[in-house]
């Protein structure tokens, strides 16, 4: 299935987090929803990010995507881009 993002929408695939940087185990049933993922697609009005980049986003602005591991947010809901990856 191919889905094309429209307007200022960004499709983000959530990356599972099982351990923190210090090696602490994070259970999958944690109440805090994930806020980090990789961009899969961007709409034509998106200029600050591109597919493949790892981003931090505002969790309360997300909408479910075509896959349970994909969310859709507006570009303005992106909080940052990881540059070391």
PDB file of N, CA and C in Angstrom:
ATOM      1  N   UNK A   1       0.833  -1.170   0.000  1.00  0.00           N
ATOM      2  CA  UNK A   1       0.000   0.000   0.000  1.00  0.00           C
ATOM      3  C   UNK A   1       0.887   1.246   0.000  1.00  0.00           C
ATOM      4  N   UNK A   2       0.581   2.181  -0.857  1.00  0.00           N
ATOM      5  CA  UNK A   2       1.311   3.444  -0.917  1.00  0.00           C
ATOM      6  C   UNK A   2       0.352   4.558  -0.538  1.00  0.00           C
ATOM      7  N   UNK A   3       0.753   5.350   0.424  1.00  0.00           N
ATOM      8  CA  UNK A   3      -0.059   6.477   0.855  1.00  0.00           C
ATOM      9  C   UNK A   3       0.773   7.728   0.691  1.00  0.00           C
ATOM     10  N   UNK A   4       0.206   8.730   0.061  1.00  0.00           N
ATOM     11  CA  UNK A   4       0.907   9.988  -0.172  1.00  0.00           C
ATOM     12  C   UNK A   4       0.392  11.030   0.809  1.00  0.00           C
ATOM     13  N   UNK A   5       1.297  11.681   1.521  1.00  0.00           N
ATOM     14  CA  UNK A   5       0.911  12.724   2.464  1.00  0.00           C
ATOM     15  C   UNK A   5       0.448  13.957   1.689  1.00  0.00           C
ATOM     16  N   UNK A   6      -0.481  14.698   2.263  1.00  0.00           N
ATOM     17  CA  UNK A   6      -1.000  15.902   1.625  1.00  0.00           C
ATOM     18  C   UNK A   6      -0.762  17.123   2.514  1.00  0.00           C
ATOM     19  N   UNK A   7      -0.816  18.286   1.882  1.00  0.00           N
ATOM     20  CA  UNK A   7      -0.682  19.571   2.568  1.00  0.00           C
ATOM     21  C   UNK A   7       0.538  19.609   3.488  1.00  0.00           C
ATOM     22  N   UNK A   8       0.331  19.925   4.763  1.00  0.00           N
ATOM     23  CA  UNK A   8       1.448  20.039   5.708  1.00  0.00           C
ATOM     24  C   UNK A   8       1.551  18.822   6.623  1.00  0.00           C
ATOM     25  N   UNK A   9       1.067  17.686   6.167  1.00  0.00           N
ATOM     26  CA  UNK A   9       1.060  16.476   6.992  1.00  0.00           C
ATOM     27  C   UNK A   9       2.380  15.712   6.885  1.00  0.00           C
ATOM     28  N   UNK A  10       2.733  15.065   7.995  1.00  0.00           N
ATOM     29  CA  UNK A  10       3.946  14.255   8.070  1.00  0.00           C
ATOM     30  C   UNK A  10       3.551  12.890   8.617  1.00  0.00           C
ATOM     31  N   UNK A  11       3.930  11.822   7.923  1.00  0.00           N
ATOM     32  CA  UNK A  11       3.683  10.456   8.389  1.00  0.00           C
ATOM     33  C   UNK A  11       4.937   9.988   9.119  1.00  0.00           C
ATOM     34  N   UNK A  12       4.760   9.540  10.364  1.00  0.00           N
ATOM     35  CA  UNK A  12       5.887   9.137  11.200  1.00  0.00           C
ATOM     36  C   UNK A  12       5.694   7.694  11.652  1.00  0.00           C
ATOM     37  N   UNK A  13       6.717   6.871  11.412  1.00  0.00           N
ATOM     38  CA  UNK A  13       6.697   5.489  11.903  1.00  0.00           C
ATOM     39  C   UNK A  13       7.348   5.497  13.279  1.00  0.00           C
ATOM     40  N   UNK A  14       6.585   5.035  14.275  1.00  0.00           N
ATOM     41  CA  UNK A  14       7.054   4.992  15.654  1.00  0.00           C
ATOM     42  C   UNK A  14       8.149   3.949  15.786  1.00  0.00           C
ATOM     43  N   UNK A  15       9.219   4.327  16.458  1.00  0.00           N
ATOM     44  CA  UNK A  15      10.313   3.394  16.704  1.00  0.00           C
ATOM     45  C   UNK A  15      10.173   2.840  18.113  1.00  0.00           C
ATOM     46  N   UNK A  16      10.090   1.525  18.241  1.00  0.00           N
ATOM     47  CA  UNK A  16       9.962   0.947  19.584  1.00  0.00           C
ATOM     48  C   UNK A  16      11.180   1.262  20.429  1.00  0.00           C
ATOM     49  N   UNK A  17      10.944   1.631  21.680  1.00  0.00           N
ATOM     50  CA  UNK A  17      12.021   1.959  22.607  1.00  0.00           C
ATOM     51  C   UNK A  17      11.983   0.929  23.728  1.00  0.00           C
ATOM     52  N   UNK A  18      12.983   0.086  23.801  1.00  0.00           N
ATOM     53  CA  UNK A  18      12.989  -0.936  24.845  1.00  0.00           C
ATOM     54  C   UNK A  18      14.005  -0.651  25.933  1.00  0.00           C
ATOM     55  N   UNK A  19      14.956   0.247  25.685  1.00  0.00           N
ATOM     56  CA  UNK A  19      15.923   0.603  26.720  1.00  0.00           C
ATOM     57  C   UNK A  19      16.294   2.068  26.580  1.00  0.00           C
ATOM     58  N   UNK A  20      16.455   2.714  27.704  1.00  0.00           N
ATOM     59  CA  UNK A  20      16.884   4.103  27.708  1.00  0.00           C
ATOM     60  C   UNK A  20      18.381   4.155  27.412  1.00  0.00           C
ATOM     61  N   UNK A  21      18.918   5.363  27.224  1.00  0.00           N
ATOM     62  CA  UNK A  21      20.340   5.493  26.916  1.00  0.00           C
ATOM     63  C   UNK A  21      21.221   4.895  28.001  1.00  0.00           C
ATOM     64  N   UNK A  22      20.778   4.970  29.254  1.00  0.00           N
ATOM     65  CA  UNK A  22      21.563   4.428  30.356  1.00  0.00           C
ATOM     66  C   UNK A  22      21.406   2.932  30.523  1.00  0.00           C
ATOM     67  N   UNK A  23      20.631   2.289  29.637  1.00  0.00           N
ATOM     68  CA  UNK A  23      20.447   0.854  29.694  1.00  0.00           C
ATOM     69  C   UNK A  23      19.276   0.405  30.548  1.00  0.00           C
ATOM     70  N   UNK A  24      18.478   1.347  31.029  1.00  0.00           N
ATOM     71  CA  UNK A  24      17.322   0.995  31.855  1.00  0.00           C
ATOM     72  C   UNK A  24      16.240   0.425  30.954  1.00  0.00           C
ATOM     73  N   UNK A  25      15.667  -0.710  31.357  1.00  0.00           N
ATOM     74  CA  UNK A  25      14.614  -1.356  30.583  1.00  0.00           C
ATOM     75  C   UNK A  25      13.331  -0.553  30.677  1.00  0.00           C
ATOM     76  N   UNK A  26      12.679  -0.321  29.541  1.00  0.00           N
ATOM     77  CA  UNK A  26      11.394   0.378  29.499  1.00  0.00           C
ATOM     78  C   UNK A  26      10.350  -0.621  29.035  1.00  0.00           C
ATOM     79  N   UNK A  27       9.392  -0.966  29.873  1.00  0.00           N
ATOM     80  CA  UNK A  27       8.374  -1.936  29.470  1.00  0.00           C
ATOM     81  C   UNK A  27       7.489  -1.389  28.356  1.00  0.00           C
ATOM     82  N   UNK A  28       6.990  -2.286  27.507  1.00  0.00           N
ATOM     83  CA  UNK A  28       6.149  -1.873  26.390  1.00  0.00           C
ATOM     84  C   UNK A  28       4.797  -1.349  26.845  1.00  0.00           C
ATOM     85  N   UNK A  29       4.365  -1.694  28.042  1.00  0.00           N
ATOM     86  CA  UNK A  29       3.062  -1.264  28.524  1.00  0.00           C
ATOM     87  C   UNK A  29       3.108   0.072  29.254  1.00  0.00           C
ATOM     88  N   UNK A  30       4.150   0.840  29.053  1.00  0.00           N
ATOM     89  CA  UNK A  30       4.288   2.122  29.732  1.00  0.00           C
ATOM     90  C   UNK A  30       3.154   3.054  29.318  1.00  0.00           C
ATOM     91  N   UNK A  31       2.692   3.873  30.253  1.00  0.00           N
ATOM     92  CA  UNK A  31       1.575   4.769  29.992  1.00  0.00           C
ATOM     93  C   UNK A  31       1.933   5.945  29.086  1.00  0.00           C
ATOM     94  N   UNK A  32       3.183   6.309  29.037  1.00  0.00           N
ATOM     95  CA  UNK A  32       3.588   7.437  28.199  1.00  0.00           C
ATOM     96  C   UNK A  32       3.705   6.994  26.750  1.00  0.00           C
ATOM     97  N   UNK A  33       2.947   7.592  25.858  1.00  0.00           N
ATOM     98  CA  UNK A  33       3.026   7.203  24.453  1.00  0.00           C
ATOM     99  C   UNK A  33       4.347   7.650  23.825  1.00  0.00           C
ATOM    100  N   UNK A  34       4.805   6.956  22.792  1.00  0.00           N
ATOM    101  CA  UNK A  34       6.068   7.322  22.154  1.00  0.00           C
ATOM    102  C   UNK A  34       5.971   8.663  21.450  1.00  0.00           C
ATOM    103  N   UNK A  35       7.068   9.386  21.442  1.00  0.00           N
ATOM    104  CA  UNK A  35       7.107  10.690  20.783  1.00  0.00           C
ATOM    105  C   UNK A  35       8.279  10.808  19.817  1.00  0.00           C
ATOM    106  N   UNK A  36       8.898   9.687  19.492  1.00  0.00           N
ATOM    107  CA  UNK A  36      10.038   9.673  18.581  1.00  0.00           C
ATOM    108  C   UNK A  36       9.746   8.691  17.459  1.00  0.00           C
ATOM    109  N   UNK A  37      10.117   9.069  16.250  1.00  0.00           N
ATOM    110  CA  UNK A  37       9.919   8.174  15.119  1.00  0.00           C
ATOM    111  C   UNK A  37      10.666   8.649  13.893  1.00  0.00           C
ATOM    112  N   UNK A  38      10.566   7.871  12.812  1.00  0.00           N
ATOM    113  CA  UNK A  38      11.205   8.215  11.539  1.00  0.00           C
ATOM    114  C   UNK A  38      10.140   8.644  10.543  1.00  0.00           C
ATOM    115  N   UNK A  39      10.447   9.671   9.818  1.00  0.00           N
ATOM    116  CA  UNK A  39       9.507  10.191   8.831  1.00  0.00           C
ATOM    117  C   UNK A  39       9.435   9.245   7.647  1.00  0.00           C
ATOM    118  N   UNK A  40       8.218   8.874   7.282  1.00  0.00           N
ATOM    119  CA  UNK A  40       7.981   8.011   6.119  1.00  0.00           C
ATOM    120  C   UNK A  40       7.597   8.818   4.896  1.00  0.00           C
ATOM    121  N   UNK A  41       6.793   9.870   5.092  1.00  0.00           N
ATOM    122  CA  UNK A  41       6.335  10.677   3.963  1.00  0.00           C
ATOM    123  C   UNK A  41       6.004  12.078   4.446  1.00  0.00           C
ATOM    124  N   UNK A  42       6.152  13.050   3.557  1.00  0.00           N
ATOM    125  CA  UNK A  42       5.795  14.428   3.873  1.00  0.00           C
ATOM    126  C   UNK A  42       4.920  14.997   2.761  1.00  0.00           C
ATOM    127  N   UNK A  43       4.032  15.894   3.142  1.00  0.00           N
ATOM    128  CA  UNK A  43       3.183  16.553   2.163  1.00  0.00           C
ATOM    129  C   UNK A  43       3.958  17.625   1.403  1.00  0.00           C
ATOM    130  N   UNK A  44       3.396  18.141   0.316  1.00  0.00           N
ATOM    131  CA  UNK A  44       4.086  19.118  -0.522  1.00  0.00           C
ATOM    132  C   UNK A  44       4.342  20.461   0.158  1.00  0.00           C
ATOM    133  N   UNK A  45       3.636  20.777   1.225  1.00  0.00           N
ATOM    134  CA  UNK A  45       3.852  22.046   1.927  1.00  0.00           C
ATOM    135  C   UNK A  45       4.875  21.939   3.059  1.00  0.00           C
ATOM    136  N   UNK A  46       5.436  20.764   3.278  1.00  0.00           N
ATOM    137  CA  UNK A  46       6.414  20.550   4.349  1.00  0.00           C
ATOM    138  C   UNK A  46       7.799  20.891   3.820  1.00  0.00           C
ATOM    139  N   UNK A  47       8.503  21.775   4.552  1.00  0.00           N
ATOM    140  CA  UNK A  47       9.822  22.196   4.075  1.00  0.00           C
ATOM    141  C   UNK A  47      10.950  21.942   5.076  1.00  0.00           C
ATOM    142  N   UNK A  48      10.628  21.633   6.331  1.00  0.00           N
ATOM    143  CA  UNK A  48      11.681  21.545   7.342  1.00  0.00           C
ATOM    144  C   UNK A  48      12.245  20.142   7.547  1.00  0.00           C
ATOM    145  N   UNK A  49      11.580  19.117   7.038  1.00  0.00           N
ATOM    146  CA  UNK A  49      12.045  17.738   7.228  1.00  0.00           C
ATOM    147  C   UNK A  49      11.847  16.940   5.943  1.00  0.00           C
ATOM    148  N   UNK A  50      12.502  15.763   5.903  1.00  0.00           N
ATOM    149  CA  UNK A  50      12.351  14.885   4.738  1.00  0.00           C
ATOM    150  C   UNK A  50      12.274  13.436   5.212  1.00  0.00           C
ATOM    151  N   UNK A  51      11.779  12.549   4.364  1.00  0.00           N
ATOM    152  CA  UNK A  51      11.687  11.135   4.741  1.00  0.00           C
ATOM    153  C   UNK A  51      13.032  10.568   5.198  1.00  0.00           C
ATOM    154  N   UNK A  52      12.960   9.706   6.214  1.00  0.00           N
ATOM    155  CA  UNK A  52      14.160   9.067   6.741  1.00  0.00           C
ATOM    156  C   UNK A  52      14.715   9.744   7.981  1.00  0.00           C
ATOM    157  N   UNK A  53      14.345  10.995   8.224  1.00  0.00           N
ATOM    158  CA  UNK A  53      14.870  11.688   9.393  1.00  0.00           C
ATOM    159  C   UNK A  53      14.158  11.224  10.662  1.00  0.00           C
ATOM    160  N   UNK A  54      14.908  11.182  11.760  1.00  0.00           N
ATOM    161  CA  UNK A  54      14.356  10.823  13.060  1.00  0.00           C
ATOM    162  C   UNK A  54      13.907  12.114  13.736  1.00  0.00           C
ATOM    163  N   UNK A  55      12.661  12.133  14.222  1.00  0.00           N
ATOM    164  CA  UNK A  55      12.096  13.362  14.780  1.00  0.00           C
ATOM    165  C   UNK A  55      11.452  13.132  16.139  1.00  0.00           C
ATOM    166  N   UNK A  56      11.316  14.223  16.859  1.00  0.00           N
ATOM    167  CA  UNK A  56      10.580  14.279  18.112  1.00  0.00           C
ATOM    168  C   UNK A  56       9.316  15.066  17.803  1.00  0.00           C
ATOM    169  N   UNK A  57       8.155  14.554  18.238  1.00  0.00           N
ATOM    170  CA  UNK A  57       6.910  15.248  17.915  1.00  0.00           C
ATOM    171  C   UNK A  57       6.000  15.346  19.124  1.00  0.00           C
ATOM    172  N   UNK A  58       5.052  16.256  19.048  1.00  0.00           N
ATOM    173  CA  UNK A  58       4.092  16.482  20.120  1.00  0.00           C
ATOM    174  C   UNK A  58       3.044  15.387  20.082  1.00  0.00           C
ATOM    175  N   UNK A  59       2.991  14.574  21.098  1.00  0.00           N
ATOM    176  CA  UNK A  59       2.174  13.360  21.098  1.00  0.00           C
ATOM    177  C   UNK A  59       0.669  13.639  21.054  1.00  0.00           C
ATOM    178  N   UNK A  60       0.215  14.759  21.564  1.00  0.00           N
ATOM    179  CA  UNK A  60      -1.221  14.999  21.616  1.00  0.00           C
ATOM    180  C   UNK A  60      -1.791  15.530  20.311  1.00  0.00           C
ATOM    181  N   UNK A  61      -0.945  15.764  19.321  1.00  0.00           N
ATOM    182  CA  UNK A  61      -1.408  16.237  18.021  1.00  0.00           C
ATOM    183  C   UNK A  61      -1.490  15.123  16.985  1.00  0.00           C
ATOM    184  N   UNK A  62      -1.163  13.915  17.368  1.00  0.00           N
ATOM    185  CA  UNK A  62      -1.092  12.828  16.397  1.00  0.00           C
ATOM    186  C   UNK A  62      -2.466  12.261  16.066  1.00  0.00           C
ATOM    187  N   UNK A  63      -2.572  11.766  14.858  1.00  0.00           N
ATOM    188  CA  UNK A  63      -3.752  11.041  14.394  1.00  0.00           C
ATOM    189  C   UNK A  63      -3.297   9.656  13.972  1.00  0.00           C
ATOM    190  N   UNK A  64      -4.150   8.651  14.088  1.00  0.00           N
ATOM    191  CA  UNK A  64      -3.738   7.319  13.640  1.00  0.00           C
ATOM    192  C   UNK A  64      -3.498   7.309  12.139  1.00  0.00           C
ATOM    193  N   UNK A  65      -2.534   6.496  11.718  1.00  0.00           N
ATOM    194  CA  UNK A  65      -2.213   6.374  10.302  1.00  0.00           C
ATOM    195  C   UNK A  65      -2.784   5.097   9.714  1.00  0.00           C
ATOM    196  N   UNK A  66      -2.273   4.719   8.572  1.00  0.00           N
ATOM    197  CA  UNK A  66      -2.740   3.529   7.859  1.00  0.00           C
ATOM    198  C   UNK A  66      -2.215   2.240   8.477  1.00  0.00           C
ATOM    199  N   UNK A  67      -1.329   2.357   9.438  1.00  0.00           N
ATOM    200  CA  UNK A  67      -0.679   1.225  10.098  1.00  0.00           C
ATOM    201  C   UNK A  67      -0.646   1.550  11.588  1.00  0.00           C
ATOM    202  N   UNK A  68      -0.727   0.563  12.456  1.00  0.00           N
ATOM    203  CA  UNK A  68      -0.751   0.850  13.898  1.00  0.00           C
ATOM    204  C   UNK A  68       0.540   1.491  14.406  1.00  0.00           C
ATOM    205  N   UNK A  69       1.628   1.362  13.649  1.00  0.00           N
ATOM    206  CA  UNK A  69       2.903   1.960  14.042  1.00  0.00           C
ATOM    207  C   UNK A  69       3.193   3.274  13.336  1.00  0.00           C
ATOM    208  N   UNK A  70       2.198   3.820  12.639  1.00  0.00           N
ATOM    209  CA  UNK A  70       2.372   5.077  11.914  1.00  0.00           C
ATOM    210  C   UNK A  70       1.363   6.092  12.438  1.00  0.00           C
ATOM    211  N   UNK A  71       1.852   7.296  12.705  1.00  0.00           N
ATOM    212  CA  UNK A  71       0.974   8.395  13.102  1.00  0.00           C
ATOM    213  C   UNK A  71       1.119   9.523  12.086  1.00  0.00           C
ATOM    214  N   UNK A  72       0.120  10.390  12.063  1.00  0.00           N
ATOM    215  CA  UNK A  72       0.127  11.531  11.159  1.00  0.00           C
ATOM    216  C   UNK A  72       0.043  12.790  12.004  1.00  0.00           C
ATOM    217  N   UNK A  73       0.950  13.732  11.761  1.00  0.00           N
ATOM    218  CA  UNK A  73       0.936  15.012  12.469  1.00  0.00           C
ATOM    219  C   UNK A  73       1.128  16.137  11.453  1.00  0.00           C
ATOM    220  N   UNK A  74       0.791  17.335  11.867  1.00  0.00           N
ATOM    221  CA  UNK A  74       1.101  18.519  11.050  1.00  0.00           C
ATOM    222  C   UNK A  74       2.569  18.865  11.262  1.00  0.00           C
ATOM    223  N   UNK A  75       3.159  19.520  10.299  1.00  0.00           N
ATOM    224  CA  UNK A  75       4.565  19.913  10.419  1.00  0.00           C
ATOM    225  C   UNK A  75       4.786  20.745  11.680  1.00  0.00           C
ATOM    226  N   UNK A  76       3.834  21.566  12.053  1.00  0.00           N
ATOM    227  CA  UNK A  76       3.965  22.427  13.243  1.00  0.00           C
ATOM    228  C   UNK A  76       4.007  21.630  14.552  1.00  0.00           C
ATOM    229  N   UNK A  77       3.635  20.340  14.522  1.00  0.00           N
ATOM    230  CA  UNK A  77       3.687  19.498  15.716  1.00  0.00           C
ATOM    231  C   UNK A  77       5.057  18.865  15.932  1.00  0.00           C
ATOM    232  N   UNK A  78       5.953  19.045  14.965  1.00  0.00           N
ATOM    233  CA  UNK A  78       7.310  18.525  15.131  1.00  0.00           C
ATOM    234  C   UNK A  78       8.068  19.426  16.091  1.00  0.00           C
ATOM    235  N   UNK A  79       8.745  18.823  17.062  1.00  0.00           N
ATOM    236  CA  UNK A  79       9.473  19.581  18.067  1.00  0.00           C
ATOM    237  C   UNK A  79      10.962  19.631  17.785  1.00  0.00           C
ATOM    238  N   UNK A  80      11.466  18.668  17.046  1.00  0.00           N
ATOM    239  CA  UNK A  80      12.896  18.656  16.751  1.00  0.00           C
ATOM    240  C   UNK A  80      13.277  17.517  15.829  1.00  0.00           C
ATOM    241  N   UNK A  81      14.483  17.659  15.272  1.00  0.00           N
ATOM    242  CA  UNK A  81      15.045  16.652  14.368  1.00  0.00           C
ATOM    243  C   UNK A  81      16.373  16.205  14.962  1.00  0.00           C
ATOM    244  N   UNK A  82      16.567  14.892  15.075  1.00  0.00           N
ATOM    245  CA  UNK A  82      17.841  14.358  15.580  1.00  0.00           C
ATOM    246  C   UNK A  82      18.881  14.489  14.473  1.00  0.00           C
ATOM    247  N   UNK A  83      19.978  15.155  14.778  1.00  0.00           N
ATOM    248  CA  UNK A  83      20.998  15.392  13.761  1.00  0.00           C
ATOM    249  C   UNK A  83      22.140  14.391  13.793  1.00  0.00           C
ATOM    250  N   UNK A  84      22.259  13.617  14.853  1.00  0.00           N
ATOM    251  CA  UNK A  84      23.381  12.689  14.972  1.00  0.00           C
ATOM    252  C   UNK A  84      23.126  11.369  14.284  1.00  0.00           C
ATOM    253  N   UNK A  85      22.046  11.247  13.536  1.00  0.00           N
ATOM    254  CA  UNK A  85      21.712   9.968  12.920  1.00  0.00           C
ATOM    255  C   UNK A  85      21.656  10.084  11.427  1.00  0.00           C
TER     256      UNK A  85
END
